[in-house]
Amino acid sequence: MAIAPSMQSYLHRQGVQYSLLPHPYAERSARAASCCGVPLEQMIKAVLVQDQDGQHLLALIPADRQLSLFHLSQHLGRHFQLVDENDVVQCFSDCDNGAVPALGAAYDIETVIDDSLRRKTTVYLEAGDHEDLIQLTQEQFRSLTHDCVCGYFSISSQTGARLFAE
């Protein structure tokens, strides 16, 4: 499939040049990163959640971390929960099932970014399928996400500890 049409159109409208990295089929962002030799802390994992009013939010965190719904809810002053798979499919209908893209603006979905991603010189994200990654410089990523709220709302996948500084 390559890049999802909504993602491709959004990147084109924003005038962002990007690199596309093909890789063998991988359903998880960590596996895709491994296939491309990308450090997990530079791979963006997008997690779709919803608040108590049913509003969707896309949380972007490094692939080596887990989303803390507690810290996200505390940071934004709203209660969040994970959405079910049907909502994910409906929100990203031009993507392969489970390939959640990390550019919520391409789908009119509010997006928040874990601050740890802002310190990476290069970031990688799912292209909307399970066989391609999009490579962006930090400058390109910032230009695409300049209006997104940032904060610390991820925890270490191994220790469960919240990350405050890297």
N, C-alpha and C. Protein backbone atom coordinates (compact mmCIF):
# COMPACT_ATOMS: atom_id res chain seq x y z
N MET A 1 0.82 -1.20 0.00
CA MET A 1 0.00 0.00 0.00
C MET A 1 0.86 1.25 0.00
N ALA A 2 1.99 1.24 0.66
CA ALA A 2 2.85 2.42 0.84
C ALA A 2 2.17 3.45 1.71
N ILE A 3 2.46 4.69 1.51
CA ILE A 3 1.96 5.74 2.38
C ILE A 3 0.44 5.93 2.21
N ALA A 4 -0.25 6.10 3.33
CA ALA A 4 -1.70 6.30 3.30
C ALA A 4 -2.02 7.60 2.56
N PRO A 5 -3.07 7.60 1.74
CA PRO A 5 -3.43 8.80 0.97
C PRO A 5 -3.60 10.06 1.83
N SER A 6 -4.22 9.95 2.99
CA SER A 6 -4.40 11.13 3.85
C SER A 6 -3.06 11.68 4.33
N MET A 7 -2.15 10.78 4.67
CA MET A 7 -0.81 11.20 5.10
C MET A 7 -0.06 11.86 3.94
N GLN A 8 -0.09 11.21 2.78
CA GLN A 8 0.61 11.74 1.62
C GLN A 8 0.07 13.12 1.24
N SER A 9 -1.23 13.27 1.24
CA SER A 9 -1.85 14.55 0.90
C SER A 9 -1.47 15.62 1.92
N TYR A 10 -1.49 15.26 3.20
CA TYR A 10 -1.15 16.22 4.25
C TYR A 10 0.31 16.67 4.12
N LEU A 11 1.22 15.74 3.94
CA LEU A 11 2.63 16.08 3.79
C LEU A 11 2.85 16.97 2.56
N HIS A 12 2.14 16.67 1.48
CA HIS A 12 2.25 17.48 0.26
C HIS A 12 1.72 18.90 0.50
N ARG A 13 0.55 19.00 1.14
CA ARG A 13 -0.02 20.33 1.43
C ARG A 13 0.90 21.16 2.32
N GLN A 14 1.61 20.49 3.23
CA GLN A 14 2.50 21.19 4.14
C GLN A 14 3.87 21.47 3.50
N GLY A 15 4.09 20.95 2.32
CA GLY A 15 5.36 21.16 1.61
C GLY A 15 6.54 20.47 2.24
N VAL A 16 6.29 19.35 2.91
CA VAL A 16 7.35 18.63 3.60
C VAL A 16 7.87 17.49 2.73
N GLN A 17 9.15 17.54 2.47
CA GLN A 17 9.83 16.44 1.77
C GLN A 17 10.21 15.41 2.83
N TYR A 18 10.05 14.16 2.53
CA TYR A 18 10.31 13.10 3.50
C TYR A 18 10.95 11.92 2.80
N SER A 19 11.54 11.07 3.57
CA SER A 19 12.09 9.82 3.05
C SER A 19 11.18 8.68 3.46
N LEU A 20 10.97 7.75 2.57
CA LEU A 20 10.16 6.57 2.84
C LEU A 20 11.10 5.38 2.93
N LEU A 21 11.03 4.66 4.04
CA LEU A 21 11.89 3.49 4.27
C LEU A 21 11.05 2.22 4.22
N PRO A 22 11.15 1.46 3.14
CA PRO A 22 10.42 0.18 3.09
C PRO A 22 11.08 -0.85 3.99
N HIS A 23 10.29 -1.77 4.51
CA HIS A 23 10.81 -2.84 5.37
C HIS A 23 9.90 -4.05 5.25
N PRO A 24 10.36 -5.21 5.68
CA PRO A 24 9.49 -6.38 5.69
C PRO A 24 8.27 -6.14 6.59
N TYR A 25 7.19 -6.83 6.28
CA TYR A 25 5.94 -6.67 7.03
C TYR A 25 6.20 -6.77 8.54
N ALA A 26 5.71 -5.77 9.28
CA ALA A 26 5.86 -5.75 10.74
C ALA A 26 4.64 -5.06 11.33
N GLU A 27 3.92 -5.75 12.22
CA GLU A 27 2.70 -5.18 12.80
C GLU A 27 2.95 -4.21 13.94
N ARG A 28 4.09 -4.28 14.58
CA ARG A 28 4.39 -3.41 15.72
C ARG A 28 5.48 -2.41 15.34
N SER A 29 5.37 -1.21 15.90
CA SER A 29 6.34 -0.15 15.58
C SER A 29 7.75 -0.56 16.00
N ALA A 30 7.88 -1.28 17.10
CA ALA A 30 9.21 -1.71 17.55
C ALA A 30 9.84 -2.67 16.54
N ARG A 31 9.04 -3.55 15.99
CA ARG A 31 9.56 -4.49 14.98
C ARG A 31 9.93 -3.75 13.70
N ALA A 32 9.10 -2.79 13.28
CA ALA A 32 9.40 -2.00 12.09
C ALA A 32 10.72 -1.24 12.27
N ALA A 33 10.90 -0.67 13.45
CA ALA A 33 12.14 0.05 13.75
C ALA A 33 13.33 -0.89 13.66
N SER A 34 13.20 -2.07 14.22
CA SER A 34 14.27 -3.06 14.19
C SER A 34 14.63 -3.45 12.75
N CYS A 35 13.62 -3.65 11.92
CA CYS A 35 13.84 -4.02 10.52
C CYS A 35 14.63 -2.94 9.77
N CYS A 36 14.43 -1.68 10.15
CA CYS A 36 15.09 -0.56 9.46
C CYS A 36 16.34 -0.07 10.18
N GLY A 37 16.70 -0.70 11.29
CA GLY A 37 17.87 -0.26 12.05
C GLY A 37 17.67 1.08 12.72
N VAL A 38 16.44 1.38 13.08
CA VAL A 38 16.08 2.65 13.71
C VAL A 38 16.07 2.48 15.23
N PRO A 39 16.74 3.35 15.99
CA PRO A 39 16.68 3.27 17.45
C PRO A 39 15.23 3.46 17.94
N LEU A 40 14.81 2.64 18.87
CA LEU A 40 13.42 2.70 19.36
C LEU A 40 13.04 4.07 19.89
N GLU A 41 13.99 4.78 20.50
CA GLU A 41 13.66 6.10 21.06
C GLU A 41 13.40 7.14 19.97
N GLN A 42 13.74 6.83 18.71
CA GLN A 42 13.47 7.74 17.60
C GLN A 42 12.23 7.33 16.80
N MET A 43 11.71 6.15 17.08
CA MET A 43 10.51 5.65 16.42
C MET A 43 9.29 6.13 17.17
N ILE A 44 8.37 6.78 16.48
CA ILE A 44 7.17 7.30 17.12
C ILE A 44 6.08 6.24 17.12
N LYS A 45 5.55 6.00 18.32
CA LYS A 45 4.39 5.12 18.47
C LYS A 45 3.19 6.02 18.70
N ALA A 46 2.16 5.87 17.89
CA ALA A 46 0.94 6.67 18.02
C ALA A 46 -0.13 5.83 18.71
N VAL A 47 -0.72 6.40 19.76
CA VAL A 47 -1.74 5.69 20.54
C VAL A 47 -3.01 6.52 20.52
N LEU A 48 -4.10 5.93 20.04
CA LEU A 48 -5.38 6.62 19.98
C LEU A 48 -6.15 6.38 21.27
N VAL A 49 -6.56 7.48 21.89
CA VAL A 49 -7.35 7.43 23.12
C VAL A 49 -8.57 8.33 22.94
N GLN A 50 -9.46 8.28 23.93
CA GLN A 50 -10.60 9.19 23.92
C GLN A 50 -10.85 9.68 25.33
N ASP A 51 -11.41 10.89 25.42
CA ASP A 51 -11.71 11.45 26.74
C ASP A 51 -13.11 11.06 27.16
N GLN A 52 -13.52 11.57 28.32
CA GLN A 52 -14.81 11.22 28.90
C GLN A 52 -15.98 11.66 28.02
N ASP A 53 -15.75 12.60 27.10
CA ASP A 53 -16.80 13.07 26.19
C ASP A 53 -16.75 12.37 24.84
N GLY A 54 -15.86 11.40 24.69
CA GLY A 54 -15.75 10.66 23.44
C GLY A 54 -14.87 11.33 22.40
N GLN A 55 -14.18 12.42 22.77
CA GLN A 55 -13.28 13.10 21.83
C GLN A 55 -11.99 12.31 21.69
N HIS A 56 -11.60 12.06 20.46
CA HIS A 56 -10.36 11.32 20.21
C HIS A 56 -9.14 12.22 20.37
N LEU A 57 -8.06 11.58 20.77
CA LEU A 57 -6.77 12.24 20.93
C LEU A 57 -5.70 11.24 20.51
N LEU A 58 -4.72 11.73 19.76
CA LEU A 58 -3.62 10.89 19.35
C LEU A 58 -2.40 11.27 20.17
N ALA A 59 -1.89 10.34 20.95
CA ALA A 59 -0.71 10.58 21.79
C ALA A 59 0.51 9.97 21.11
N LEU A 60 1.54 10.79 20.90
CA LEU A 60 2.77 10.34 20.26
C LEU A 60 3.84 10.17 21.31
N ILE A 61 4.38 8.96 21.38
CA ILE A 61 5.42 8.63 22.36
C ILE A 61 6.51 7.84 21.65
N PRO A 62 7.70 7.77 22.23
CA PRO A 62 8.75 6.92 21.65
C PRO A 62 8.34 5.44 21.76
N ALA A 63 8.76 4.66 20.78
CA ALA A 63 8.37 3.24 20.73
C ALA A 63 8.96 2.42 21.87
N ASP A 64 9.96 2.95 22.57
CA ASP A 64 10.55 2.22 23.69
C ASP A 64 9.85 2.55 25.01
N ARG A 65 8.73 3.25 24.94
CA ARG A 65 8.02 3.69 26.14
C ARG A 65 6.56 3.27 26.05
N GLN A 66 5.84 3.43 27.16
CA GLN A 66 4.40 3.16 27.21
C GLN A 66 3.66 4.44 27.56
N LEU A 67 2.47 4.57 27.02
CA LEU A 67 1.64 5.72 27.36
C LEU A 67 1.10 5.53 28.78
N SER A 68 1.22 6.58 29.59
CA SER A 68 0.60 6.58 30.92
C SER A 68 -0.70 7.37 30.82
N LEU A 69 -1.82 6.66 30.85
CA LEU A 69 -3.11 7.34 30.80
C LEU A 69 -3.29 8.26 32.00
N PHE A 70 -2.74 7.85 33.14
CA PHE A 70 -2.80 8.68 34.34
C PHE A 70 -2.10 10.02 34.11
N HIS A 71 -0.85 9.96 33.62
CA HIS A 71 -0.09 11.20 33.41
C HIS A 71 -0.67 12.05 32.29
N LEU A 72 -1.18 11.41 31.25
CA LEU A 72 -1.83 12.14 30.17
C LEU A 72 -3.08 12.85 30.68
N SER A 73 -3.90 12.15 31.43
CA SER A 73 -5.12 12.74 31.99
C SER A 73 -4.78 13.89 32.94
N GLN A 74 -3.76 13.68 33.76
CA GLN A 74 -3.33 14.72 34.70
C GLN A 74 -2.80 15.93 33.95
N HIS A 75 -2.02 15.72 32.91
CA HIS A 75 -1.41 16.81 32.14
C HIS A 75 -2.47 17.67 31.43
N LEU A 76 -3.51 17.02 30.89
CA LEU A 76 -4.51 17.74 30.11
C LEU A 76 -5.79 18.07 30.88
N GLY A 77 -5.91 17.54 32.10
CA GLY A 77 -7.10 17.83 32.89
C GLY A 77 -8.36 17.18 32.36
N ARG A 78 -8.21 16.06 31.68
CA ARG A 78 -9.33 15.27 31.15
C ARG A 78 -9.03 13.81 31.43
N HIS A 79 -10.07 13.01 31.52
CA HIS A 79 -9.89 11.58 31.76
C HIS A 79 -9.84 10.86 30.42
N PHE A 80 -8.78 10.07 30.20
CA PHE A 80 -8.60 9.35 28.94
C PHE A 80 -8.61 7.84 29.15
N GLN A 81 -9.06 7.16 28.10
CA GLN A 81 -9.00 5.70 28.05
C GLN A 81 -8.66 5.30 26.62
N LEU A 82 -8.12 4.09 26.48
CA LEU A 82 -7.82 3.58 25.15
C LEU A 82 -9.11 3.35 24.38
N VAL A 83 -9.05 3.49 23.08
CA VAL A 83 -10.24 3.23 22.26
C VAL A 83 -10.20 1.77 21.81
N ASP A 84 -11.35 1.26 21.39
CA ASP A 84 -11.35 -0.12 20.89
C ASP A 84 -10.90 -0.14 19.43
N GLU A 85 -10.58 -1.32 18.96
CA GLU A 85 -10.02 -1.49 17.62
C GLU A 85 -10.94 -0.95 16.53
N ASN A 86 -12.26 -1.04 16.71
CA ASN A 86 -13.19 -0.53 15.71
C ASN A 86 -13.06 0.97 15.52
N ASP A 87 -12.83 1.70 16.62
CA ASP A 87 -12.63 3.14 16.52
C ASP A 87 -11.34 3.46 15.76
N VAL A 88 -10.30 2.68 16.01
CA VAL A 88 -9.03 2.90 15.32
C VAL A 88 -9.22 2.71 13.82
N VAL A 89 -9.88 1.64 13.44
CA VAL A 89 -10.13 1.36 12.02
C VAL A 89 -10.96 2.47 11.40
N GLN A 90 -11.97 2.94 12.11
CA GLN A 90 -12.84 3.99 11.59
C GLN A 90 -12.09 5.32 11.43
N CYS A 91 -11.26 5.67 12.39
CA CYS A 91 -10.52 6.94 12.33
C CYS A 91 -9.46 6.96 11.23
N PHE A 92 -8.87 5.80 10.97
CA PHE A 92 -7.78 5.71 10.00
C PHE A 92 -8.16 4.73 8.90
N SER A 93 -9.27 5.01 8.24
CA SER A 93 -9.83 4.07 7.27
C SER A 93 -8.96 3.85 6.04
N ASP A 94 -8.03 4.76 5.75
CA ASP A 94 -7.15 4.56 4.59
C ASP A 94 -5.83 3.90 4.97
N CYS A 95 -5.74 3.43 6.19
CA CYS A 95 -4.53 2.75 6.68
C CYS A 95 -4.82 1.27 6.88
N ASP A 96 -3.76 0.48 6.87
CA ASP A 96 -3.91 -0.94 7.21
C ASP A 96 -4.33 -1.04 8.67
N ASN A 97 -5.11 -2.06 9.00
CA ASN A 97 -5.54 -2.25 10.39
C ASN A 97 -4.35 -2.29 11.33
N GLY A 98 -4.39 -1.44 12.35
CA GLY A 98 -3.34 -1.42 13.36
C GLY A 98 -2.16 -0.52 13.04
N ALA A 99 -2.08 -0.01 11.82
CA ALA A 99 -0.98 0.88 11.43
C ALA A 99 -1.41 2.33 11.70
N VAL A 100 -1.32 2.73 12.94
CA VAL A 100 -1.80 4.05 13.35
C VAL A 100 -0.76 5.11 12.98
N PRO A 101 -1.13 6.05 12.11
CA PRO A 101 -0.19 7.09 11.69
C PRO A 101 -0.01 8.14 12.78
N ALA A 102 1.17 8.75 12.80
CA ALA A 102 1.50 9.70 13.87
C ALA A 102 1.27 11.16 13.50
N LEU A 103 0.49 11.41 12.48
CA LEU A 103 0.16 12.79 12.11
C LEU A 103 -1.35 12.97 12.21
N GLY A 104 -1.80 13.24 13.43
CA GLY A 104 -3.22 13.39 13.68
C GLY A 104 -3.87 14.47 12.85
N ALA A 105 -3.14 15.53 12.52
CA ALA A 105 -3.70 16.63 11.74
C ALA A 105 -4.17 16.15 10.36
N ALA A 106 -3.55 15.12 9.83
CA ALA A 106 -3.97 14.57 8.53
C ALA A 106 -5.36 13.97 8.61
N TYR A 107 -5.81 13.68 9.83
CA TYR A 107 -7.11 13.06 10.07
C TYR A 107 -8.02 13.91 10.96
N ASP A 108 -7.64 15.16 11.15
CA ASP A 108 -8.39 16.10 12.02
C ASP A 108 -8.56 15.55 13.44
N ILE A 109 -7.48 14.97 13.97
CA ILE A 109 -7.50 14.44 15.33
C ILE A 109 -6.49 15.22 16.16
N GLU A 110 -6.95 15.73 17.30
CA GLU A 110 -6.06 16.44 18.22
C GLU A 110 -4.90 15.54 18.58
N THR A 111 -3.69 16.11 18.62
CA THR A 111 -2.48 15.33 18.86
C THR A 111 -1.65 15.95 19.97
N VAL A 112 -1.07 15.12 20.81
CA VAL A 112 -0.14 15.56 21.84
C VAL A 112 1.16 14.78 21.67
N ILE A 113 2.26 15.41 22.06
CA ILE A 113 3.57 14.83 21.82
C ILE A 113 4.35 14.73 23.12
N ASP A 114 4.89 13.55 23.39
CA ASP A 114 5.76 13.39 24.54
C ASP A 114 7.03 14.21 24.28
N ASP A 115 7.41 15.02 25.25
CA ASP A 115 8.55 15.93 25.09
C ASP A 115 9.85 15.22 24.71
N SER A 116 10.00 13.97 25.09
CA SER A 116 11.24 13.27 24.76
C SER A 116 11.45 13.16 23.25
N LEU A 117 10.38 13.21 22.47
CA LEU A 117 10.51 13.14 21.01
C LEU A 117 11.05 14.45 20.43
N ARG A 118 10.92 15.53 21.16
CA ARG A 118 11.36 16.84 20.66
C ARG A 118 12.88 16.98 20.68
N ARG A 119 13.56 16.07 21.33
CA ARG A 119 15.03 16.17 21.43
C ARG A 119 15.76 15.25 20.46
N LYS A 120 15.03 14.57 19.60
CA LYS A 120 15.63 13.66 18.63
C LYS A 120 15.88 14.41 17.33
N THR A 121 17.06 14.25 16.74
CA THR A 121 17.37 14.96 15.50
C THR A 121 16.59 14.40 14.31
N THR A 122 16.26 13.12 14.38
CA THR A 122 15.49 12.46 13.33
C THR A 122 14.44 11.58 14.01
N VAL A 123 13.23 11.56 13.43
CA VAL A 123 12.18 10.69 13.94
C VAL A 123 11.59 9.88 12.79
N TYR A 124 10.98 8.77 13.15
CA TYR A 124 10.40 7.85 12.18
C TYR A 124 8.98 7.53 12.61
N LEU A 125 8.09 7.40 11.63
CA LEU A 125 6.70 7.10 11.95
C LEU A 125 6.10 6.17 10.92
N GLU A 126 5.06 5.48 11.33
CA GLU A 126 4.35 4.58 10.43
C GLU A 126 3.77 5.38 9.27
N ALA A 127 3.79 4.79 8.08
CA ALA A 127 3.27 5.47 6.89
C ALA A 127 1.81 5.12 6.62
N GLY A 128 1.21 4.30 7.48
CA GLY A 128 -0.18 3.91 7.30
C GLY A 128 -0.32 2.47 6.83
N ASP A 129 0.81 1.80 6.70
CA ASP A 129 0.79 0.38 6.38
C ASP A 129 1.76 -0.32 7.33
N HIS A 130 2.04 -1.55 7.09
CA HIS A 130 2.97 -2.29 7.96
C HIS A 130 4.28 -2.58 7.24
N GLU A 131 4.57 -1.79 6.18
CA GLU A 131 5.75 -2.07 5.38
C GLU A 131 6.58 -0.83 5.03
N ASP A 132 6.22 0.32 5.58
CA ASP A 132 6.95 1.55 5.27
C ASP A 132 6.99 2.47 6.48
N LEU A 133 8.14 3.12 6.64
CA LEU A 133 8.30 4.17 7.65
C LEU A 133 8.58 5.48 6.95
N ILE A 134 8.14 6.56 7.56
CA ILE A 134 8.46 7.90 7.09
C ILE A 134 9.56 8.45 7.99
N GLN A 135 10.61 8.95 7.38
CA GLN A 135 11.72 9.56 8.12
C GLN A 135 11.60 11.08 8.00
N LEU A 136 11.65 11.75 9.15
CA LEU A 136 11.57 13.21 9.19
C LEU A 136 12.70 13.77 10.05
N THR A 137 13.22 14.91 9.65
CA THR A 137 14.14 15.62 10.54
C THR A 137 13.31 16.25 11.65
N GLN A 138 13.97 16.64 12.73
CA GLN A 138 13.25 17.29 13.82
C GLN A 138 12.59 18.57 13.33
N GLU A 139 13.26 19.30 12.45
CA GLU A 139 12.69 20.53 11.90
C GLU A 139 11.40 20.24 11.13
N GLN A 140 11.41 19.19 10.32
CA GLN A 140 10.20 18.82 9.59
C GLN A 140 9.09 18.39 10.54
N PHE A 141 9.45 17.57 11.53
CA PHE A 141 8.47 17.10 12.50
C PHE A 141 7.85 18.27 13.26
N ARG A 142 8.68 19.21 13.69
CA ARG A 142 8.17 20.40 14.40
C ARG A 142 7.25 21.23 13.51
N SER A 143 7.59 21.36 12.24
CA SER A 143 6.74 22.15 11.35
C SER A 143 5.36 21.50 11.17
N LEU A 144 5.31 20.18 11.22
CA LEU A 144 4.05 19.46 11.08
C LEU A 144 3.24 19.42 12.37
N THR A 145 3.90 19.61 13.50
CA THR A 145 3.24 19.45 14.80
C THR A 145 3.37 20.70 15.68
N HIS A 146 3.62 21.85 15.08
CA HIS A 146 3.89 23.07 15.85
C HIS A 146 2.75 23.48 16.77
N ASP A 147 1.54 23.09 16.46
CA ASP A 147 0.41 23.50 17.30
C ASP A 147 -0.02 22.41 18.30
N CYS A 148 0.75 21.36 18.41
CA CYS A 148 0.41 20.27 19.33
C CYS A 148 0.91 20.57 20.75
N VAL A 149 0.15 20.15 21.72
CA VAL A 149 0.55 20.25 23.12
C VAL A 149 1.64 19.22 23.39
N CYS A 150 2.65 19.62 24.15
CA CYS A 150 3.74 18.72 24.52
C CYS A 150 3.77 18.55 26.03
N GLY A 151 4.30 17.44 26.48
CA GLY A 151 4.45 17.18 27.91
C GLY A 151 5.02 15.79 28.11
N TYR A 152 5.26 15.44 29.35
CA TYR A 152 5.76 14.11 29.67
C TYR A 152 4.59 13.24 30.12
N PHE A 153 4.24 12.27 29.32
CA PHE A 153 3.15 11.36 29.67
C PHE A 153 3.44 9.94 29.23
N SER A 154 4.72 9.62 29.13
CA SER A 154 5.09 8.23 28.86
C SER A 154 5.92 7.70 30.03
N ILE A 155 5.94 6.39 30.13
CA ILE A 155 6.72 5.73 31.17
C ILE A 155 7.61 4.68 30.51
N SER A 156 8.66 4.31 31.19
CA SER A 156 9.57 3.30 30.68
C SER A 156 8.84 1.98 30.53
N SER A 157 9.03 1.34 29.42
CA SER A 157 8.39 0.04 29.18
C SER A 157 8.95 -1.03 30.12
N GLN A 158 10.19 -0.85 30.57
CA GLN A 158 10.83 -1.88 31.38
C GLN A 158 10.62 -1.67 32.88
N THR A 159 10.67 -0.43 33.33
CA THR A 159 10.57 -0.21 34.77
C THR A 159 9.25 0.38 35.22
N GLY A 160 8.48 0.94 34.26
CA GLY A 160 7.22 1.58 34.63
C GLY A 160 7.46 2.97 35.21
N ALA A 161 8.70 3.46 35.18
CA ALA A 161 9.01 4.77 35.75
C ALA A 161 8.73 5.86 34.74
N ARG A 162 8.25 6.96 35.23
CA ARG A 162 7.98 8.12 34.39
C ARG A 162 9.30 8.79 34.03
N LEU A 163 9.39 9.24 32.81
CA LEU A 163 10.60 9.91 32.33
C LEU A 163 10.44 11.42 32.51
N PHE A 164 11.36 12.04 33.21
CA PHE A 164 11.32 13.49 33.37
C PHE A 164 12.42 14.16 32.58
N ALA A 165 13.57 13.54 32.44
CA ALA A 165 14.67 14.12 31.68
C ALA A 165 15.46 13.01 31.02
N GLU A 166 15.94 13.29 29.82
CA GLU A 166 16.75 12.30 29.11
C GLU A 166 18.06 12.92 28.75
